[in-house]
Amino acid sequence: MEKYKNLSKKSYIGGKKSDKNNVSNPDVLFNIGLYYFSGDGVPQSYEVVYWWRKAVKKDNIDAKNNLGNCYIRGIGVNQSYIKLLIGLKKLLKME
């Protein structure tokens, strides 16, 4: 995953707002979410949920895990154990 770190910063952070729609690599989407979560190079923001949801749609397992934690803790989303359980059910069907 380290090989995508620089690519993700170039893909969106400091880029145009329209660049959001051009990022398609699930690992890059996940890493951009990490930047927003930790505040690395961008202001710490709940926009992390946006990026992790995009990565989840592309089957990034790390994003699924972290987004599930967001639902458990209510980080950037309303706390929802139901959405967490739905996500876990989908995840188990993948494996």
PDB file of N, CA and C in Angstrom:
ATOM      1  N   MET A   1       0.810  -1.191   0.000  1.00  0.00           N
ATOM      2  CA  MET A   1       0.000   0.000   0.000  1.00  0.00           C
ATOM      3  C   MET A   1       0.859   1.263   0.000  1.00  0.00           C
ATOM      4  N   GLU A   2       2.063   1.158   0.478  1.00  0.00           N
ATOM      5  CA  GLU A   2       2.953   2.309   0.531  1.00  0.00           C
ATOM      6  C   GLU A   2       3.186   2.907  -0.858  1.00  0.00           C
ATOM      7  N   LYS A   3       3.171   2.067  -1.892  1.00  0.00           N
ATOM      8  CA  LYS A   3       3.439   2.576  -3.235  1.00  0.00           C
ATOM      9  C   LYS A   3       2.351   3.533  -3.721  1.00  0.00           C
ATOM     10  N   TYR A   4       1.167   3.508  -3.108  1.00  0.00           N
ATOM     11  CA  TYR A   4       0.076   4.392  -3.509  1.00  0.00           C
ATOM     12  C   TYR A   4       0.053   5.699  -2.716  1.00  0.00           C
ATOM     13  N   LYS A   5       0.873   5.810  -1.694  1.00  0.00           N
ATOM     14  CA  LYS A   5       0.807   6.964  -0.814  1.00  0.00           C
ATOM     15  C   LYS A   5       1.024   8.279  -1.566  1.00  0.00           C
ATOM     16  N   ASN A   6       2.097   8.383  -2.331  1.00  0.00           N
ATOM     17  CA  ASN A   6       2.366   9.619  -3.070  1.00  0.00           C
ATOM     18  C   ASN A   6       1.348   9.854  -4.170  1.00  0.00           C
ATOM     19  N   LEU A   7       0.921   8.782  -4.816  1.00  0.00           N
ATOM     20  CA  LEU A   7      -0.069   8.899  -5.881  1.00  0.00           C
ATOM     21  C   LEU A   7      -1.365   9.500  -5.350  1.00  0.00           C
ATOM     22  N   SER A   8      -1.775   9.100  -4.164  1.00  0.00           N
ATOM     23  CA  SER A   8      -3.045   9.596  -3.647  1.00  0.00           C
ATOM     24  C   SER A   8      -2.968  11.086  -3.322  1.00  0.00           C
ATOM     25  N   LYS A   9      -1.854  11.542  -2.798  1.00  0.00           N
ATOM     26  CA  LYS A   9      -1.727  12.964  -2.510  1.00  0.00           C
ATOM     27  C   LYS A   9      -1.769  13.769  -3.801  1.00  0.00           C
ATOM     28  N   LYS A  10      -1.110  13.282  -4.837  1.00  0.00           N
ATOM     29  CA  LYS A  10      -1.120  13.981  -6.118  1.00  0.00           C
ATOM     30  C   LYS A  10      -2.497  13.919  -6.772  1.00  0.00           C
ATOM     31  N   SER A  11      -3.240  12.843  -6.505  1.00  0.00           N
ATOM     32  CA  SER A  11      -4.525  12.647  -7.164  1.00  0.00           C
ATOM     33  C   SER A  11      -5.581  13.641  -6.709  1.00  0.00           C
ATOM     34  N   TYR A  12      -5.540  14.052  -5.452  1.00  0.00           N
ATOM     35  CA  TYR A  12      -6.598  14.943  -5.006  1.00  0.00           C
ATOM     36  C   TYR A  12      -6.097  16.081  -4.122  1.00  0.00           C
ATOM     37  N   ILE A  13      -5.324  15.767  -3.132  1.00  0.00           N
ATOM     38  CA  ILE A  13      -4.957  16.776  -2.148  1.00  0.00           C
ATOM     39  C   ILE A  13      -4.187  17.892  -2.835  1.00  0.00           C
ATOM     40  N   GLY A  14      -4.702  19.083  -2.729  1.00  0.00           N
ATOM     41  CA  GLY A  14      -4.110  20.218  -3.402  1.00  0.00           C
ATOM     42  C   GLY A  14      -4.542  20.321  -4.849  1.00  0.00           C
ATOM     43  N   GLY A  15      -5.348  19.406  -5.294  1.00  0.00           N
ATOM     44  CA  GLY A  15      -5.809  19.407  -6.680  1.00  0.00           C
ATOM     45  C   GLY A  15      -7.135  20.110  -6.823  1.00  0.00           C
ATOM     46  N   LYS A  16      -7.701  20.018  -8.004  1.00  0.00           N
ATOM     47  CA  LYS A  16      -9.000  20.622  -8.272  1.00  0.00           C
ATOM     48  C   LYS A  16     -10.098  19.782  -7.657  1.00  0.00           C
ATOM     49  N   LYS A  17     -11.196  20.408  -7.342  1.00  0.00           N
ATOM     50  CA  LYS A  17     -12.328  19.692  -6.778  1.00  0.00           C
ATOM     51  C   LYS A  17     -12.825  18.612  -7.738  1.00  0.00           C
ATOM     52  N   SER A  18     -12.710  18.851  -9.037  1.00  0.00           N
ATOM     53  CA  SER A  18     -13.169  17.867 -10.019  1.00  0.00           C
ATOM     54  C   SER A  18     -12.317  16.600  -9.997  1.00  0.00           C
ATOM     55  N   ASP A  19     -11.121  16.680  -9.420  1.00  0.00           N
ATOM     56  CA  ASP A  19     -10.256  15.505  -9.339  1.00  0.00           C
ATOM     57  C   ASP A  19     -10.874  14.409  -8.480  1.00  0.00           C
ATOM     58  N   LYS A  20     -11.798  14.768  -7.607  1.00  0.00           N
ATOM     59  CA  LYS A  20     -12.460  13.776  -6.754  1.00  0.00           C
ATOM     60  C   LYS A  20     -13.089  12.670  -7.583  1.00  0.00           C
ATOM     61  N   ASN A  21     -13.673  13.020  -8.699  1.00  0.00           N
ATOM     62  CA  ASN A  21     -14.373  12.041  -9.527  1.00  0.00           C
ATOM     63  C   ASN A  21     -13.426  11.211 -10.387  1.00  0.00           C
ATOM     64  N   ASN A  22     -12.181  11.619 -10.494  1.00  0.00           N
ATOM     65  CA  ASN A  22     -11.233  10.922 -11.351  1.00  0.00           C
ATOM     66  C   ASN A  22     -10.428   9.856 -10.620  1.00  0.00           C
ATOM     67  N   VAL A  23     -10.507   9.813  -9.301  1.00  0.00           N
ATOM     68  CA  VAL A  23      -9.760   8.822  -8.535  1.00  0.00           C
ATOM     69  C   VAL A  23     -10.556   7.528  -8.546  1.00  0.00           C
ATOM     70  N   SER A  24      -9.923   6.449  -9.036  1.00  0.00           N
ATOM     71  CA  SER A  24     -10.664   5.192  -9.130  1.00  0.00           C
ATOM     72  C   SER A  24      -9.961   4.020  -8.445  1.00  0.00           C
ATOM     73  N   ASN A  25      -8.676   4.129  -8.167  1.00  0.00           N
ATOM     74  CA  ASN A  25      -7.955   3.042  -7.521  1.00  0.00           C
ATOM     75  C   ASN A  25      -8.420   2.917  -6.069  1.00  0.00           C
ATOM     76  N   PRO A  26      -8.915   1.739  -5.644  1.00  0.00           N
ATOM     77  CA  PRO A  26      -9.450   1.588  -4.295  1.00  0.00           C
ATOM     78  C   PRO A  26      -8.420   1.837  -3.198  1.00  0.00           C
ATOM     79  N   ASP A  27      -7.151   1.503  -3.448  1.00  0.00           N
ATOM     80  CA  ASP A  27      -6.125   1.763  -2.438  1.00  0.00           C
ATOM     81  C   ASP A  27      -5.858   3.254  -2.291  1.00  0.00           C
ATOM     82  N   VAL A  28      -5.920   3.972  -3.396  1.00  0.00           N
ATOM     83  CA  VAL A  28      -5.742   5.420  -3.356  1.00  0.00           C
ATOM     84  C   VAL A  28      -6.914   6.063  -2.619  1.00  0.00           C
ATOM     85  N   LEU A  29      -8.127   5.615  -2.917  1.00  0.00           N
ATOM     86  CA  LEU A  29      -9.308   6.138  -2.222  1.00  0.00           C
ATOM     87  C   LEU A  29      -9.187   5.918  -0.721  1.00  0.00           C
ATOM     88  N   PHE A  30      -8.749   4.722  -0.338  1.00  0.00           N
ATOM     89  CA  PHE A  30      -8.575   4.412   1.079  1.00  0.00           C
ATOM     90  C   PHE A  30      -7.537   5.333   1.714  1.00  0.00           C
ATOM     91  N   ASN A  31      -6.396   5.516   1.029  1.00  0.00           N
ATOM     92  CA  ASN A  31      -5.332   6.356   1.586  1.00  0.00           C
ATOM     93  C   ASN A  31      -5.744   7.815   1.704  1.00  0.00           C
ATOM     94  N   ILE A  32      -6.498   8.309   0.746  1.00  0.00           N
ATOM     95  CA  ILE A  32      -6.983   9.686   0.859  1.00  0.00           C
ATOM     96  C   ILE A  32      -7.854   9.810   2.106  1.00  0.00           C
ATOM     97  N   GLY A  33      -8.674   8.800   2.356  1.00  0.00           N
ATOM     98  CA  GLY A  33      -9.457   8.787   3.590  1.00  0.00           C
ATOM     99  C   GLY A  33      -8.573   8.829   4.822  1.00  0.00           C
ATOM    100  N   LEU A  34      -7.479   8.091   4.790  1.00  0.00           N
ATOM    101  CA  LEU A  34      -6.551   8.114   5.930  1.00  0.00           C
ATOM    102  C   LEU A  34      -5.979   9.509   6.161  1.00  0.00           C
ATOM    103  N   TYR A  35      -5.687  10.221   5.059  1.00  0.00           N
ATOM    104  CA  TYR A  35      -5.171  11.581   5.202  1.00  0.00           C
ATOM    105  C   TYR A  35      -6.187  12.472   5.914  1.00  0.00           C
ATOM    106  N   TYR A  36      -7.446  12.350   5.543  1.00  0.00           N
ATOM    107  CA  TYR A  36      -8.476  13.160   6.203  1.00  0.00           C
ATOM    108  C   TYR A  36      -8.701  12.715   7.639  1.00  0.00           C
ATOM    109  N   PHE A  37      -8.554  11.437   7.897  1.00  0.00           N
ATOM    110  CA  PHE A  37      -8.741  10.927   9.251  1.00  0.00           C
ATOM    111  C   PHE A  37      -7.648  11.445  10.183  1.00  0.00           C
ATOM    112  N   SER A  38      -6.404  11.423   9.697  1.00  0.00           N
ATOM    113  CA  SER A  38      -5.266  11.810  10.544  1.00  0.00           C
ATOM    114  C   SER A  38      -4.891  13.285  10.417  1.00  0.00           C
ATOM    115  N   GLY A  39      -5.380  13.950   9.370  1.00  0.00           N
ATOM    116  CA  GLY A  39      -5.001  15.341   9.144  1.00  0.00           C
ATOM    117  C   GLY A  39      -3.618  15.465   8.518  1.00  0.00           C
ATOM    118  N   ASP A  40      -3.191  14.465   7.773  1.00  0.00           N
ATOM    119  CA  ASP A  40      -1.878  14.455   7.135  1.00  0.00           C
ATOM    120  C   ASP A  40      -1.945  15.187   5.795  1.00  0.00           C
ATOM    121  N   GLY A  41      -1.520  16.450   5.785  1.00  0.00           N
ATOM    122  CA  GLY A  41      -1.503  17.224   4.550  1.00  0.00           C
ATOM    123  C   GLY A  41      -2.808  17.938   4.237  1.00  0.00           C
ATOM    124  N   VAL A  42      -3.855  17.618   4.970  1.00  0.00           N
ATOM    125  CA  VAL A  42      -5.166  18.267   4.818  1.00  0.00           C
ATOM    126  C   VAL A  42      -5.747  18.465   6.215  1.00  0.00           C
ATOM    127  N   PRO A  43      -6.714  19.381   6.353  1.00  0.00           N
ATOM    128  CA  PRO A  43      -7.356  19.514   7.656  1.00  0.00           C
ATOM    129  C   PRO A  43      -8.084  18.219   8.017  1.00  0.00           C
ATOM    130  N   GLN A  44      -7.982  17.823   9.266  1.00  0.00           N
ATOM    131  CA  GLN A  44      -8.709  16.627   9.707  1.00  0.00           C
ATOM    132  C   GLN A  44     -10.198  16.881   9.485  1.00  0.00           C
ATOM    133  N   SER A  45     -10.871  15.888   8.886  1.00  0.00           N
ATOM    134  CA  SER A  45     -12.239  16.133   8.447  1.00  0.00           C
ATOM    135  C   SER A  45     -13.039  14.845   8.396  1.00  0.00           C
ATOM    136  N   TYR A  46     -14.354  15.000   8.532  1.00  0.00           N
ATOM    137  CA  TYR A  46     -15.241  13.852   8.375  1.00  0.00           C
ATOM    138  C   TYR A  46     -15.395  13.463   6.908  1.00  0.00           C
ATOM    139  N   GLU A  47     -14.711  14.159   6.016  1.00  0.00           N
ATOM    140  CA  GLU A  47     -14.726  13.780   4.600  1.00  0.00           C
ATOM    141  C   GLU A  47     -14.119  12.384   4.417  1.00  0.00           C
ATOM    142  N   VAL A  48     -13.458  11.908   5.457  1.00  0.00           N
ATOM    143  CA  VAL A  48     -12.924  10.553   5.466  1.00  0.00           C
ATOM    144  C   VAL A  48     -14.007   9.544   5.078  1.00  0.00           C
ATOM    145  N   VAL A  49     -15.221   9.766   5.549  1.00  0.00           N
ATOM    146  CA  VAL A  49     -16.327   8.847   5.271  1.00  0.00           C
ATOM    147  C   VAL A  49     -16.625   8.801   3.772  1.00  0.00           C
ATOM    148  N   TYR A  50     -16.590   9.948   3.119  1.00  0.00           N
ATOM    149  CA  TYR A  50     -16.818  10.015   1.664  1.00  0.00           C
ATOM    150  C   TYR A  50     -15.823   9.106   0.934  1.00  0.00           C
ATOM    151  N   TRP A  51     -14.538   9.246   1.281  1.00  0.00           N
ATOM    152  CA  TRP A  51     -13.492   8.496   0.574  1.00  0.00           C
ATOM    153  C   TRP A  51     -13.569   7.011   0.889  1.00  0.00           C
ATOM    154  N   TRP A  52     -13.817   6.675   2.142  1.00  0.00           N
ATOM    155  CA  TRP A  52     -13.899   5.258   2.483  1.00  0.00           C
ATOM    156  C   TRP A  52     -15.130   4.601   1.877  1.00  0.00           C
ATOM    157  N   ARG A  53     -16.221   5.334   1.756  1.00  0.00           N
ATOM    158  CA  ARG A  53     -17.396   4.764   1.081  1.00  0.00           C
ATOM    159  C   ARG A  53     -17.082   4.464  -0.382  1.00  0.00           C
ATOM    160  N   LYS A  54     -16.363   5.384  -1.034  1.00  0.00           N
ATOM    161  CA  LYS A  54     -15.973   5.143  -2.433  1.00  0.00           C
ATOM    162  C   LYS A  54     -15.072   3.916  -2.525  1.00  0.00           C
ATOM    163  N   ALA A  55     -14.149   3.748  -1.585  1.00  0.00           N
ATOM    164  CA  ALA A  55     -13.249   2.593  -1.586  1.00  0.00           C
ATOM    165  C   ALA A  55     -14.011   1.306  -1.295  1.00  0.00           C
ATOM    166  N   VAL A  56     -15.015   1.390  -0.425  1.00  0.00           N
ATOM    167  CA  VAL A  56     -15.837   0.216  -0.114  1.00  0.00           C
ATOM    168  C   VAL A  56     -16.573  -0.257  -1.364  1.00  0.00           C
ATOM    169  N   LYS A  57     -17.069   0.675  -2.162  1.00  0.00           N
ATOM    170  CA  LYS A  57     -17.775   0.308  -3.396  1.00  0.00           C
ATOM    171  C   LYS A  57     -16.855  -0.430  -4.372  1.00  0.00           C
ATOM    172  N   LYS A  58     -15.544  -0.260  -4.184  1.00  0.00           N
ATOM    173  CA  LYS A  58     -14.565  -0.951  -5.036  1.00  0.00           C
ATOM    174  C   LYS A  58     -13.918  -2.115  -4.281  1.00  0.00           C
ATOM    175  N   ASP A  59     -14.583  -2.561  -3.222  1.00  0.00           N
ATOM    176  CA  ASP A  59     -14.195  -3.751  -2.449  1.00  0.00           C
ATOM    177  C   ASP A  59     -12.857  -3.649  -1.734  1.00  0.00           C
ATOM    178  N   ASN A  60     -12.501  -2.465  -1.235  1.00  0.00           N
ATOM    179  CA  ASN A  60     -11.293  -2.340  -0.430  1.00  0.00           C
ATOM    180  C   ASN A  60     -11.613  -2.786   0.990  1.00  0.00           C
ATOM    181  N   ILE A  61     -10.988  -3.873   1.420  1.00  0.00           N
ATOM    182  CA  ILE A  61     -11.314  -4.473   2.708  1.00  0.00           C
ATOM    183  C   ILE A  61     -10.911  -3.578   3.883  1.00  0.00           C
ATOM    184  N   ASP A  62      -9.813  -2.837   3.753  1.00  0.00           N
ATOM    185  CA  ASP A  62      -9.392  -1.937   4.824  1.00  0.00           C
ATOM    186  C   ASP A  62     -10.407  -0.812   5.011  1.00  0.00           C
ATOM    187  N   ALA A  63     -10.940  -0.319   3.917  1.00  0.00           N
ATOM    188  CA  ALA A  63     -11.963   0.731   3.996  1.00  0.00           C
ATOM    189  C   ALA A  63     -13.226   0.187   4.659  1.00  0.00           C
ATOM    190  N   LYS A  64     -13.576  -1.063   4.352  1.00  0.00           N
ATOM    191  CA  LYS A  64     -14.752  -1.672   4.976  1.00  0.00           C
ATOM    192  C   LYS A  64     -14.572  -1.755   6.478  1.00  0.00           C
ATOM    193  N   ASN A  65     -13.389  -2.145   6.903  1.00  0.00           N
ATOM    194  CA  ASN A  65     -13.090  -2.238   8.318  1.00  0.00           C
ATOM    195  C   ASN A  65     -13.177  -0.865   8.993  1.00  0.00           C
ATOM    196  N   ASN A  66     -12.516   0.121   8.396  1.00  0.00           N
ATOM    197  CA  ASN A  66     -12.497   1.456   8.999  1.00  0.00           C
ATOM    198  C   ASN A  66     -13.864   2.125   8.966  1.00  0.00           C
ATOM    199  N   LEU A  67     -14.605   1.929   7.887  1.00  0.00           N
ATOM    200  CA  LEU A  67     -15.944   2.510   7.816  1.00  0.00           C
ATOM    201  C   LEU A  67     -16.851   1.864   8.865  1.00  0.00           C
ATOM    202  N   GLY A  68     -16.674   0.567   9.072  1.00  0.00           N
ATOM    203  CA  GLY A  68     -17.413  -0.108  10.142  1.00  0.00           C
ATOM    204  C   GLY A  68     -17.105   0.496  11.500  1.00  0.00           C
ATOM    205  N   ASN A  69     -15.843   0.819  11.734  1.00  0.00           N
ATOM    206  CA  ASN A  69     -15.468   1.475  12.989  1.00  0.00           C
ATOM    207  C   ASN A  69     -16.096   2.857  13.105  1.00  0.00           C
ATOM    208  N   CYS A  70     -16.237   3.548  11.979  1.00  0.00           N
ATOM    209  CA  CYS A  70     -16.912   4.854  12.004  1.00  0.00           C
ATOM    210  C   CYS A  70     -18.361   4.689  12.466  1.00  0.00           C
ATOM    211  N   TYR A  71     -19.030   3.638  11.970  1.00  0.00           N
ATOM    212  CA  TYR A  71     -20.416   3.402  12.380  1.00  0.00           C
ATOM    213  C   TYR A  71     -20.509   2.986  13.843  1.00  0.00           C
ATOM    214  N   ILE A  72     -19.535   2.237  14.330  1.00  0.00           N
ATOM    215  CA  ILE A  72     -19.543   1.847  15.751  1.00  0.00           C
ATOM    216  C   ILE A  72     -19.389   3.072  16.640  1.00  0.00           C
ATOM    217  N   ARG A  73     -18.482   3.966  16.263  1.00  0.00           N
ATOM    218  CA  ARG A  73     -18.141   5.119  17.105  1.00  0.00           C
ATOM    219  C   ARG A  73     -18.904   6.390  16.751  1.00  0.00           C
ATOM    220  N   GLY A  74     -19.608   6.387  15.630  1.00  0.00           N
ATOM    221  CA  GLY A  74     -20.327   7.591  15.214  1.00  0.00           C
ATOM    222  C   GLY A  74     -19.397   8.675  14.697  1.00  0.00           C
ATOM    223  N   ILE A  75     -18.335   8.281  14.007  1.00  0.00           N
ATOM    224  CA  ILE A  75     -17.365   9.242  13.474  1.00  0.00           C
ATOM    225  C   ILE A  75     -17.788   9.639  12.066  1.00  0.00           C
ATOM    226  N   GLY A  76     -18.286  10.856  11.905  1.00  0.00           N
ATOM    227  CA  GLY A  76     -18.690  11.353  10.595  1.00  0.00           C
ATOM    228  C   GLY A  76     -20.017  10.816  10.097  1.00  0.00           C
ATOM    229  N   VAL A  77     -20.615   9.919  10.842  1.00  0.00           N
ATOM    230  CA  VAL A  77     -21.912   9.323  10.505  1.00  0.00           C
ATOM    231  C   VAL A  77     -22.695   9.143  11.800  1.00  0.00           C
ATOM    232  N   ASN A  78     -24.001   8.963  11.665  1.00  0.00           N
ATOM    233  CA  ASN A  78     -24.777   8.627  12.851  1.00  0.00           C
ATOM    234  C   ASN A  78     -24.400   7.216  13.289  1.00  0.00           C
ATOM    235  N   GLN A  79     -24.221   7.041  14.577  1.00  0.00           N
ATOM    236  CA  GLN A  79     -23.880   5.716  15.081  1.00  0.00           C
ATOM    237  C   GLN A  79     -24.990   4.743  14.704  1.00  0.00           C
ATOM    238  N   SER A  80     -24.604   3.631  14.072  1.00  0.00           N
ATOM    239  CA  SER A  80     -25.606   2.686  13.596  1.00  0.00           C
ATOM    240  C   SER A  80     -25.048   1.266  13.619  1.00  0.00           C
ATOM    241  N   TYR A  81     -25.526   0.496  14.566  1.00  0.00           N
ATOM    242  CA  TYR A  81     -25.112  -0.904  14.628  1.00  0.00           C
ATOM    243  C   TYR A  81     -25.777  -1.707  13.512  1.00  0.00           C
ATOM    244  N   ILE A  82     -26.929  -1.239  13.052  1.00  0.00           N
ATOM    245  CA  ILE A  82     -27.623  -1.931  11.966  1.00  0.00           C
ATOM    246  C   ILE A  82     -26.800  -1.844  10.673  1.00  0.00           C
ATOM    247  N   LYS A  83     -26.319  -0.637  10.340  1.00  0.00           N
ATOM    248  CA  LYS A  83     -25.485  -0.493   9.136  1.00  0.00           C
ATOM    249  C   LYS A  83     -24.194  -1.282   9.282  1.00  0.00           C
ATOM    250  N   LEU A  84     -23.681  -1.331  10.500  1.00  0.00           N
ATOM    251  CA  LEU A  84     -22.480  -2.125  10.742  1.00  0.00           C
ATOM    252  C   LEU A  84     -22.757  -3.604  10.468  1.00  0.00           C
ATOM    253  N   LEU A  85     -23.863  -4.106  10.961  1.00  0.00           N
ATOM    254  CA  LEU A  85     -24.198  -5.515  10.758  1.00  0.00           C
ATOM    255  C   LEU A  85     -24.470  -5.832   9.294  1.00  0.00           C
ATOM    256  N   ILE A  86     -25.099  -4.906   8.590  1.00  0.00           N
ATOM    257  CA  ILE A  86     -25.333  -5.099   7.152  1.00  0.00           C
ATOM    258  C   ILE A  86     -23.991  -5.178   6.428  1.00  0.00           C
ATOM    259  N   GLY A  87     -23.072  -4.293   6.780  1.00  0.00           N
ATOM    260  CA  GLY A  87     -21.742  -4.311   6.173  1.00  0.00           C
ATOM    261  C   GLY A  87     -20.986  -5.592   6.489  1.00  0.00           C
ATOM    262  N   LEU A  88     -21.096  -6.069   7.725  1.00  0.00           N
ATOM    263  CA  LEU A  88     -20.433  -7.319   8.094  1.00  0.00           C
ATOM    264  C   LEU A  88     -21.005  -8.500   7.325  1.00  0.00           C
ATOM    265  N   LYS A  89     -22.318  -8.495   7.144  1.00  0.00           N
ATOM    266  CA  LYS A  89     -22.950  -9.571   6.400  1.00  0.00           C
ATOM    267  C   LYS A  89     -22.437  -9.610   4.957  1.00  0.00           C
ATOM    268  N   LYS A  90     -22.323  -8.429   4.327  1.00  0.00           N
ATOM    269  CA  LYS A  90     -21.791  -8.340   2.970  1.00  0.00           C
ATOM    270  C   LYS A  90     -20.344  -8.788   2.923  1.00  0.00           C
ATOM    271  N   LEU A  91     -19.584  -8.403   3.945  1.00  0.00           N
ATOM    272  CA  LEU A  91     -18.183  -8.757   4.005  1.00  0.00           C
ATOM    273  C   LEU A  91     -18.003 -10.273   4.120  1.00  0.00           C
ATOM    274  N   LEU A  92     -18.824 -10.916   4.923  1.00  0.00           N
ATOM    275  CA  LEU A  92     -18.728 -12.353   5.090  1.00  0.00           C
ATOM    276  C   LEU A  92     -19.084 -13.106   3.811  1.00  0.00           C
ATOM    277  N   LYS A  93     -19.990 -12.537   3.019  1.00  0.00           N
ATOM    278  CA  LYS A  93     -20.352 -13.169   1.744  1.00  0.00           C
ATOM    279  C   LYS A  93     -19.198 -13.075   0.755  1.00  0.00           C
ATOM    280  N   MET A  94     -18.345 -12.054   0.888  1.00  0.00           N
ATOM    281  CA  MET A  94     -17.210 -11.890  -0.010  1.00  0.00           C
ATOM    282  C   MET A  94     -16.148 -12.956   0.206  1.00  0.00           C
ATOM    283  N   GLU A  95     -15.951 -13.326   1.430  1.00  0.00           N
ATOM    284  CA  GLU A  95     -14.824 -14.192   1.787  1.00  0.00           C
ATOM    285  C   GLU A  95     -15.022 -15.602   1.356  1.00  0.00           C
TER     286      GLU A  95
END
